[in-house]
Amino acid sequence: MTLPWTLECSACGHPRGAEGLPGVCEQCGQPYLVRFAAAPGPEAKALLRERAWTMWRYREWLPLAPDDVPVSLGEGGTPLLRLARLGPQYGFERLVVKDEGLNPTGSFKARGLAAAVTRAVLAGAKTFVVPTAGNAGVALSAYAARARVRARVYAPRSTPRMILNQVKRYGAELELIDGHIGDCGKAARAFAAETGAVDVSTLREPYRIEGKKTLGLELAEQLRWTLPDAIVYPTGGGTGLIGMWKAFQELRDAGWVRGALPRMYTVQAAGCAPVVKAFEAGAERCEPWPNPETVAAGLRVPGPLGDRLMLHALRESDGGAVAVADDVLTAAAAELQAIEGVDAAPEGGAALAGAVALRRSGALRADDQVIVFNTGAGWLYQA
């Protein structure tokens, strides 16, 4: 069966059919992106009224053939919550959080891994591997269990204990590494080369981005097919940022939304901020961050493969990048919990802290509609 989409290298433009188990571009080693022959028409929007509130309600926008059944735990459909107290406290009239911690497995990683596992299983995959700073390992473990396939997870030994316990409870093989996620990535690639396991590392296959794209599709629908002025996003590997920017462009080109696209802002921890450094230097690629250190495990990504795509999205959207210290992001997460009732992970705290810093610098205006993302649940970080 010929699939109704193709793949295109995000760097050199090399085309490839979508059949099989695609990895990175064979020509230059950069990520492939999914390209659809045609955008969904207005009739697809009408179908949404009949569908469950999960990310698969947007199946016409996703890499699914008509008869494909996704591997799903009900991911997506997370709420937008107005920060009625913290917004005015920090000078915002319309500050809203999208709480991805309410996904299955407790984080936004559920979206990307659901899509990646779905496509790989449909192509015949039986074994998966992923390096993780935490949440991706939990998500892969859960979706592998759902699909009845094998999963191996490589995680830094410093990963929060609750996250490691969740990986094991879902039945995955857990290997702890003395080092950071980059070291885990090397081990995962070696395992994939040795065994033929599908490596679902960030951007080393094309479908995690498509799952993360649903962040943007869902946000647009929740805002009645309008888009906010700005999005503030905590960034490690960057699939969420890249996926949303792809979604917004596809929605605009299909005529589903009108007007300006949001300004995209990335937030990183001061102890691991390669994207911020590259953005401020005007560089097209990131230099690997030496000795990455932060309590926000999901932000401890010293050399993201998607650096060029992230930087392009930030600049094309007229957005920016900001780094925040660990004590500041930890305090912001605590405020989200105690003042607004949002169980924010440290990365969610980073998003709020980044928005506050951007408001103080004038990058964000008081009357901007600003969406900050809490990408994971705070309970996963408990000892």
Protein backbone atom coordinates (compact mmCIF):
# COMPACT_ATOMS: atom_id res chain seq x y z
CA MET A 1 0.00 0.00 0.00
CA THR A 2 1.25 3.45 -0.92
CA LEU A 3 0.98 5.75 2.06
CA PRO A 4 -0.67 9.17 1.53
CA TRP A 5 2.43 11.13 2.58
CA THR A 6 6.12 11.23 1.82
CA LEU A 7 9.23 12.28 3.71
CA GLU A 8 11.54 15.18 2.96
CA CYS A 9 14.88 15.93 4.60
CA SER A 10 14.62 19.09 6.64
CA ALA A 11 18.15 20.12 5.61
CA CYS A 12 19.02 18.96 2.08
CA GLY A 13 15.49 18.34 0.79
CA HIS A 14 16.18 14.71 -0.13
CA PRO A 15 12.83 12.95 -0.73
CA ARG A 16 11.94 9.47 0.48
CA GLY A 17 8.88 7.28 0.49
CA ALA A 18 7.29 6.67 3.87
CA GLU A 19 7.31 2.89 3.65
CA GLY A 20 9.34 0.84 6.09
CA LEU A 21 11.08 2.15 9.19
CA PRO A 22 12.68 5.47 8.23
CA GLY A 23 15.39 7.04 10.38
CA VAL A 24 17.34 10.17 9.53
CA CYS A 25 18.22 11.31 6.01
CA GLU A 26 20.51 8.87 4.23
CA GLN A 27 22.21 11.75 2.42
CA CYS A 28 23.09 14.15 5.26
CA GLY A 29 21.99 12.59 8.55
CA GLN A 30 19.45 15.31 9.37
CA PRO A 31 15.80 14.74 10.37
CA TYR A 32 13.09 13.86 7.90
CA LEU A 33 9.77 15.72 8.02
CA VAL A 34 6.40 14.36 6.91
CA ARG A 35 4.91 16.03 3.82
CA PHE A 36 1.28 15.44 2.85
CA ALA A 37 0.12 15.61 -0.76
CA ALA A 38 -2.90 17.71 0.22
CA ALA A 39 -4.21 19.46 3.30
CA PRO A 40 -7.46 18.35 4.93
CA GLY A 41 -10.46 20.20 3.55
CA PRO A 42 -13.31 21.95 5.40
CA GLU A 43 -15.22 18.67 5.70
CA ALA A 44 -12.51 17.35 8.04
CA LYS A 45 -13.22 20.21 10.43
CA ALA A 46 -16.90 19.27 10.52
CA LEU A 47 -15.97 15.68 11.45
CA LEU A 48 -14.36 16.88 14.68
CA ARG A 49 -17.78 17.34 16.29
CA GLU A 50 -18.26 13.56 16.24
CA ARG A 51 -14.91 12.54 17.66
CA ALA A 52 -13.44 11.83 21.07
CA TRP A 53 -11.25 14.53 22.58
CA THR A 54 -7.86 12.84 21.99
CA MET A 55 -5.05 13.75 19.65
CA TRP A 56 -6.34 11.21 17.12
CA ARG A 57 -9.37 13.40 16.42
CA TYR A 58 -7.00 15.11 13.97
CA ARG A 59 -6.24 11.91 12.05
CA GLU A 60 -6.51 13.65 8.65
CA TRP A 61 -3.56 15.80 9.75
CA LEU A 62 -1.56 12.80 10.97
CA PRO A 63 0.40 9.97 9.31
CA LEU A 64 -2.43 7.45 9.34
CA ALA A 65 -3.83 5.54 6.40
CA PRO A 66 -7.64 5.30 6.37
CA ASP A 67 -7.78 1.87 8.01
CA ASP A 68 -4.90 2.31 10.46
CA VAL A 69 -5.71 1.87 14.14
CA PRO A 70 -3.35 3.87 16.39
CA VAL A 71 -1.66 2.61 19.54
CA SER A 72 -3.38 4.86 22.05
CA LEU A 73 -3.90 5.44 25.76
CA GLY A 74 -6.21 8.42 25.23
CA GLU A 75 -3.45 11.03 24.89
CA GLY A 76 -4.28 14.65 24.11
CA GLY A 77 -7.27 16.75 25.07
CA THR A 78 -5.36 18.61 27.79
CA PRO A 79 -6.89 21.78 29.22
CA LEU A 80 -6.08 25.44 28.79
CA LEU A 81 -6.17 27.07 32.22
CA ARG A 82 -6.17 30.83 32.76
CA LEU A 83 -3.65 31.92 35.37
CA ALA A 84 -6.06 34.30 37.05
CA ARG A 85 -3.73 35.13 39.96
CA LEU A 86 -0.22 34.71 38.60
CA GLY A 87 -1.05 36.54 35.37
CA PRO A 88 -1.92 39.89 36.97
CA GLN A 89 0.84 39.40 39.54
CA TYR A 90 3.43 39.43 36.74
CA GLY A 91 1.82 42.01 34.48
CA PHE A 92 -0.18 39.82 32.08
CA GLU A 93 -3.80 40.34 31.14
CA ARG A 94 -4.15 37.00 29.33
CA LEU A 95 -1.70 34.42 30.62
CA VAL A 96 -2.78 30.80 30.08
CA VAL A 97 -1.14 27.45 30.79
CA LYS A 98 -1.65 24.33 28.70
CA ASP A 99 -1.26 21.51 31.17
CA GLU A 100 0.37 18.55 29.42
CA GLY A 101 1.01 16.86 32.75
CA LEU A 102 -2.54 15.45 32.49
CA ASN A 103 -1.61 13.17 29.58
CA PRO A 104 -1.23 9.42 30.03
CA THR A 105 2.21 8.76 31.57
CA GLY A 106 2.21 12.31 32.96
CA SER A 107 3.78 14.35 30.17
CA PHE A 108 3.60 15.70 26.64
CA LYS A 109 5.91 12.86 25.54
CA ALA A 110 2.80 10.67 25.30
CA ARG A 111 1.80 12.42 22.09
CA GLY A 112 5.05 11.88 20.24
CA LEU A 113 5.64 8.33 21.40
CA ALA A 114 2.07 7.30 20.57
CA ALA A 115 2.61 8.45 16.99
CA ALA A 116 6.10 6.94 16.69
CA VAL A 117 5.11 3.56 18.13
CA THR A 118 1.96 3.47 16.00
CA ARG A 119 3.81 3.95 12.73
CA ALA A 120 6.66 1.60 13.60
CA VAL A 121 4.37 -1.21 14.79
CA LEU A 122 2.30 -0.87 11.61
CA ALA A 123 5.58 -1.28 9.70
CA GLY A 124 6.39 -4.47 11.61
CA ALA A 125 8.64 -3.28 14.46
CA LYS A 126 8.98 -5.57 17.48
CA THR A 127 11.69 -3.85 19.55
CA PHE A 128 12.21 -0.18 20.45
CA VAL A 129 14.94 1.79 22.16
CA VAL A 130 15.13 5.35 23.44
CA PRO A 131 17.54 7.50 25.44
CA THR A 132 15.71 9.65 27.94
CA ALA A 133 16.09 12.47 30.38
CA GLY A 134 12.98 11.02 32.00
CA ASN A 135 9.55 11.40 30.47
CA ALA A 136 10.25 9.93 27.02
CA GLY A 137 11.36 6.70 28.67
CA VAL A 138 8.13 6.45 30.65
CA ALA A 139 6.06 7.14 27.55
CA LEU A 140 7.84 4.62 25.36
CA SER A 141 7.54 1.99 28.07
CA ALA A 142 3.80 2.50 28.33
CA TYR A 143 3.11 2.50 24.59
CA ALA A 144 5.35 -0.51 24.04
CA ALA A 145 3.34 -2.35 26.70
CA ARG A 146 0.13 -1.28 25.00
CA ALA A 147 1.41 -2.57 21.65
CA ARG A 148 2.88 -5.75 23.17
CA VAL A 149 6.39 -5.04 21.91
CA ARG A 150 9.77 -4.84 23.63
CA ALA A 151 11.31 -1.58 24.83
CA ARG A 152 14.72 -0.72 26.17
CA VAL A 153 15.36 2.64 27.90
CA TYR A 154 18.74 4.25 28.56
CA ALA A 155 18.58 6.91 31.28
CA PRO A 156 21.10 8.94 33.26
CA ARG A 157 21.62 7.53 36.73
CA SER A 158 20.63 10.98 38.06
CA THR A 159 17.11 10.74 36.58
CA PRO A 160 14.39 11.26 39.22
CA ARG A 161 13.66 7.98 41.01
CA MET A 162 9.91 8.12 40.44
CA ILE A 163 10.47 8.30 36.67
CA LEU A 164 12.81 5.32 36.73
CA ASN A 165 10.30 3.34 38.77
CA GLN A 166 7.58 4.09 36.23
CA VAL A 167 9.75 2.80 33.39
CA LYS A 168 10.25 -0.49 35.22
CA ARG A 169 6.58 -0.81 36.18
CA TYR A 170 5.60 -0.66 32.52
CA GLY A 171 7.91 -3.61 31.86
CA ALA A 172 10.68 -1.96 29.86
CA GLU A 173 14.35 -2.90 30.14
CA LEU A 174 16.06 -0.05 31.98
CA GLU A 175 19.79 0.64 31.61
CA LEU A 176 21.30 3.40 33.76
CA ILE A 177 24.22 5.44 32.42
CA ASP A 178 26.76 7.56 34.27
CA GLY A 179 26.39 10.74 32.21
CA HIS A 180 23.74 12.82 30.43
CA ILE A 181 21.22 12.13 27.70
CA GLY A 182 23.87 12.49 25.02
CA ASP A 183 25.72 9.56 26.53
CA CYS A 184 22.47 7.62 26.66
CA GLY A 185 21.91 8.42 23.00
CA LYS A 186 25.21 6.81 22.05
CA ALA A 187 24.27 3.66 23.96
CA ALA A 188 20.80 3.59 22.36
CA ARG A 189 22.21 3.93 18.84
CA ALA A 190 24.68 1.13 19.53
CA PHE A 191 21.85 -1.11 20.76
CA ALA A 192 19.77 -0.28 17.68
CA ALA A 193 22.67 -1.06 15.34
CA GLU A 194 23.35 -4.35 17.11
CA THR A 195 19.77 -5.62 17.40
CA GLY A 196 17.74 -3.84 14.73
CA ALA A 197 15.61 -2.10 17.36
CA VAL A 198 13.78 1.01 16.21
CA ASP A 199 15.48 4.07 17.68
CA VAL A 200 12.76 6.55 18.61
CA SER A 201 15.20 9.18 19.88
CA THR A 202 14.18 12.79 19.34
CA LEU A 203 14.11 13.48 15.58
CA ARG A 204 15.86 10.22 14.64
CA GLU A 205 12.56 9.10 13.13
CA PRO A 206 9.94 11.41 11.58
CA TYR A 207 6.80 10.65 13.56
CA ARG A 208 7.36 11.96 17.07
CA ILE A 209 7.12 15.44 15.56
CA GLU A 210 3.75 14.54 14.04
CA GLY A 211 2.45 13.52 17.45
CA LYS A 212 3.77 16.72 18.99
CA LYS A 213 2.18 18.64 16.13
CA THR A 214 -1.16 17.93 17.79
CA LEU A 215 -0.19 20.42 20.50
CA GLY A 216 -0.67 23.14 17.89
CA LEU A 217 -3.76 21.63 16.29
CA GLU A 218 -5.44 21.24 19.66
CA LEU A 219 -4.49 24.72 20.80
CA ALA A 220 -5.99 26.25 17.66
CA GLU A 221 -9.26 24.38 18.13
CA GLN A 222 -9.46 25.29 21.82
CA LEU A 223 -9.07 28.95 20.82
CA ARG A 224 -11.85 28.59 18.21
CA TRP A 225 -9.43 28.42 15.28
CA THR A 226 -7.47 31.48 16.27
CA LEU A 227 -3.89 31.53 17.50
CA PRO A 228 -2.30 33.29 20.49
CA ASP A 229 0.15 36.16 20.25
CA ALA A 230 2.99 34.21 21.86
CA ILE A 231 3.93 30.74 23.02
CA VAL A 232 6.53 30.19 25.74
CA TYR A 233 7.89 26.67 25.65
CA PRO A 234 10.47 24.85 27.78
CA THR A 235 12.89 23.29 25.34
CA GLY A 236 15.22 20.30 25.54
CA GLY A 237 15.17 18.25 22.34
CA GLY A 238 12.68 20.60 20.74
CA THR A 239 10.10 18.31 19.12
CA GLY A 240 7.20 20.21 20.69
CA LEU A 241 8.43 23.57 19.45
CA ILE A 242 9.19 22.23 15.98
CA GLY A 243 5.95 20.28 15.80
CA MET A 244 3.79 23.23 16.79
CA TRP A 245 5.45 25.53 14.27
CA LYS A 246 4.82 22.90 11.58
CA ALA A 247 1.18 22.64 12.67
CA PHE A 248 0.60 26.39 12.59
CA GLN A 249 2.04 26.69 9.09
CA GLU A 250 -0.04 23.76 7.84
CA LEU A 251 -3.21 25.18 9.40
CA ARG A 252 -2.56 28.58 7.83
CA ASP A 253 -1.84 27.10 4.41
CA ALA A 254 -5.07 25.05 4.60
CA GLY A 255 -7.10 28.13 5.52
CA TRP A 256 -8.16 26.73 8.90
CA VAL A 257 -6.71 29.74 10.75
CA ARG A 258 -6.06 33.30 9.65
CA GLY A 259 -3.86 36.15 10.76
CA ALA A 260 -0.37 36.22 12.18
CA LEU A 261 1.22 33.09 13.58
CA PRO A 262 2.38 33.16 17.22
CA ARG A 263 5.79 34.39 18.25
CA MET A 264 7.63 31.32 19.54
CA TYR A 265 9.87 31.62 22.60
CA THR A 266 12.10 28.87 23.94
CA VAL A 267 13.06 28.64 27.60
CA GLN A 268 16.09 26.69 28.80
CA ALA A 269 17.84 26.22 32.10
CA ALA A 270 20.88 28.43 32.70
CA GLY A 271 22.92 25.27 33.34
CA CYS A 272 22.12 23.86 29.88
CA ALA A 273 21.17 26.50 27.34
CA PRO A 274 22.66 25.64 23.92
CA VAL A 275 19.69 26.99 21.95
CA VAL A 276 19.68 30.29 23.85
CA LYS A 277 23.40 30.71 23.27
CA ALA A 278 23.10 29.97 19.55
CA PHE A 279 20.09 32.26 19.15
CA GLU A 280 21.84 35.16 20.84
CA ALA A 281 24.99 34.58 18.76
CA GLY A 282 23.04 34.52 15.49
CA ALA A 283 24.28 31.00 14.81
CA GLU A 284 22.45 28.43 12.69
CA ARG A 285 23.50 25.45 14.84
CA CYS A 286 24.17 24.85 18.52
CA GLU A 287 27.49 23.99 20.05
CA PRO A 288 27.25 21.11 22.54
CA TRP A 289 26.87 22.45 26.07
CA PRO A 290 29.69 21.30 28.35
CA ASN A 291 28.78 19.76 31.71
CA PRO A 292 24.99 20.26 31.51
CA GLU A 293 23.43 20.69 34.94
CA THR A 294 19.83 21.45 35.90
CA VAL A 295 17.12 20.06 38.15
CA ALA A 296 14.78 20.19 35.14
CA ALA A 297 15.72 16.78 33.71
CA GLY A 298 13.87 17.37 30.44
CA LEU A 299 15.97 20.46 29.72
CA ARG A 300 19.28 18.67 30.22
CA VAL A 301 19.91 18.15 26.48
CA PRO A 302 23.38 19.49 25.61
CA GLY A 303 23.37 18.90 21.85
CA PRO A 304 19.87 18.70 20.32
CA LEU A 305 19.65 17.19 16.83
CA GLY A 306 16.81 19.59 16.03
CA ASP A 307 18.84 22.71 16.79
CA ARG A 308 18.64 24.12 13.26
CA LEU A 309 14.87 23.58 13.08
CA MET A 310 14.31 25.20 16.48
CA LEU A 311 16.41 28.24 15.67
CA HIS A 312 14.61 28.64 12.36
CA ALA A 313 11.19 28.56 14.07
CA LEU A 314 12.25 31.13 16.68
CA ARG A 315 13.55 33.53 14.04
CA GLU A 316 10.84 32.99 11.45
CA SER A 317 8.18 33.66 14.09
CA ASP A 318 9.96 36.79 15.39
CA GLY A 319 10.28 35.10 18.77
CA GLY A 320 13.27 34.57 21.01
CA ALA A 321 15.05 32.53 23.64
CA VAL A 322 15.72 32.97 27.34
CA ALA A 323 17.53 31.03 30.07
CA VAL A 324 16.44 30.88 33.71
CA ALA A 325 18.29 29.69 36.81
CA ASP A 326 17.29 26.53 38.64
CA ASP A 327 16.20 28.35 41.78
CA VAL A 328 13.96 30.63 39.72
CA LEU A 329 12.29 27.84 37.74
CA THR A 330 11.82 25.77 40.90
CA ALA A 331 10.13 28.69 42.62
CA ALA A 332 7.90 29.26 39.60
CA ALA A 333 6.83 25.60 39.58
CA ALA A 334 5.95 25.92 43.27
CA GLU A 335 3.85 29.01 42.52
CA LEU A 336 1.94 27.17 39.81
CA GLN A 337 1.19 24.43 42.31
CA ALA A 338 0.35 26.48 45.40
CA ILE A 339 -1.31 29.51 43.78
CA GLU A 340 -3.01 28.06 40.69
CA GLY A 341 -3.36 24.35 41.53
CA VAL A 342 -1.35 23.22 38.50
CA ASP A 343 0.98 20.32 39.34
CA ALA A 344 3.90 21.70 37.36
CA ALA A 345 7.14 19.88 36.64
CA PRO A 346 10.35 21.92 36.84
CA GLU A 347 10.10 22.39 33.06
CA GLY A 348 6.66 23.97 33.52
CA GLY A 349 8.18 26.24 36.12
CA ALA A 350 10.81 27.19 33.55
CA ALA A 351 8.08 28.20 31.11
CA LEU A 352 6.43 30.50 33.66
CA ALA A 353 9.78 31.93 34.76
CA GLY A 354 10.72 32.50 31.13
CA ALA A 355 7.45 34.31 30.45
CA VAL A 356 8.06 36.57 33.45
CA ALA A 357 11.57 37.36 32.22
CA LEU A 358 10.28 38.10 28.72
CA ARG A 359 7.56 40.37 30.13
CA ARG A 360 10.14 42.31 32.15
CA SER A 361 12.35 42.72 29.09
CA GLY A 362 9.43 44.01 27.02
CA ALA A 363 9.43 41.08 24.59
CA LEU A 364 5.94 40.21 25.83
CA ARG A 365 3.33 42.93 26.22
CA ALA A 366 0.70 43.17 28.91
CA ASP A 367 -2.17 42.63 26.45
CA ASP A 368 -0.57 39.73 24.58
CA GLN A 369 -2.38 36.42 24.79
CA VAL A 370 0.44 34.22 26.04
CA ILE A 371 0.36 30.42 26.32
CA VAL A 372 2.93 28.79 28.60
CA PHE A 373 3.35 25.03 28.55
CA ASN A 374 3.60 22.79 31.56
CA THR A 375 5.09 19.79 29.81
CA GLY A 376 4.91 17.30 32.66
CA ALA A 377 3.48 16.44 36.04
CA GLY A 378 5.28 17.49 39.18
CA TRP A 379 4.60 14.19 40.94
CA LEU A 380 7.04 12.41 38.61
CA TYR A 381 9.88 14.35 40.25
CA GLN A 382 9.15 13.17 43.77
CA ALA A 383 11.92 11.21 45.49
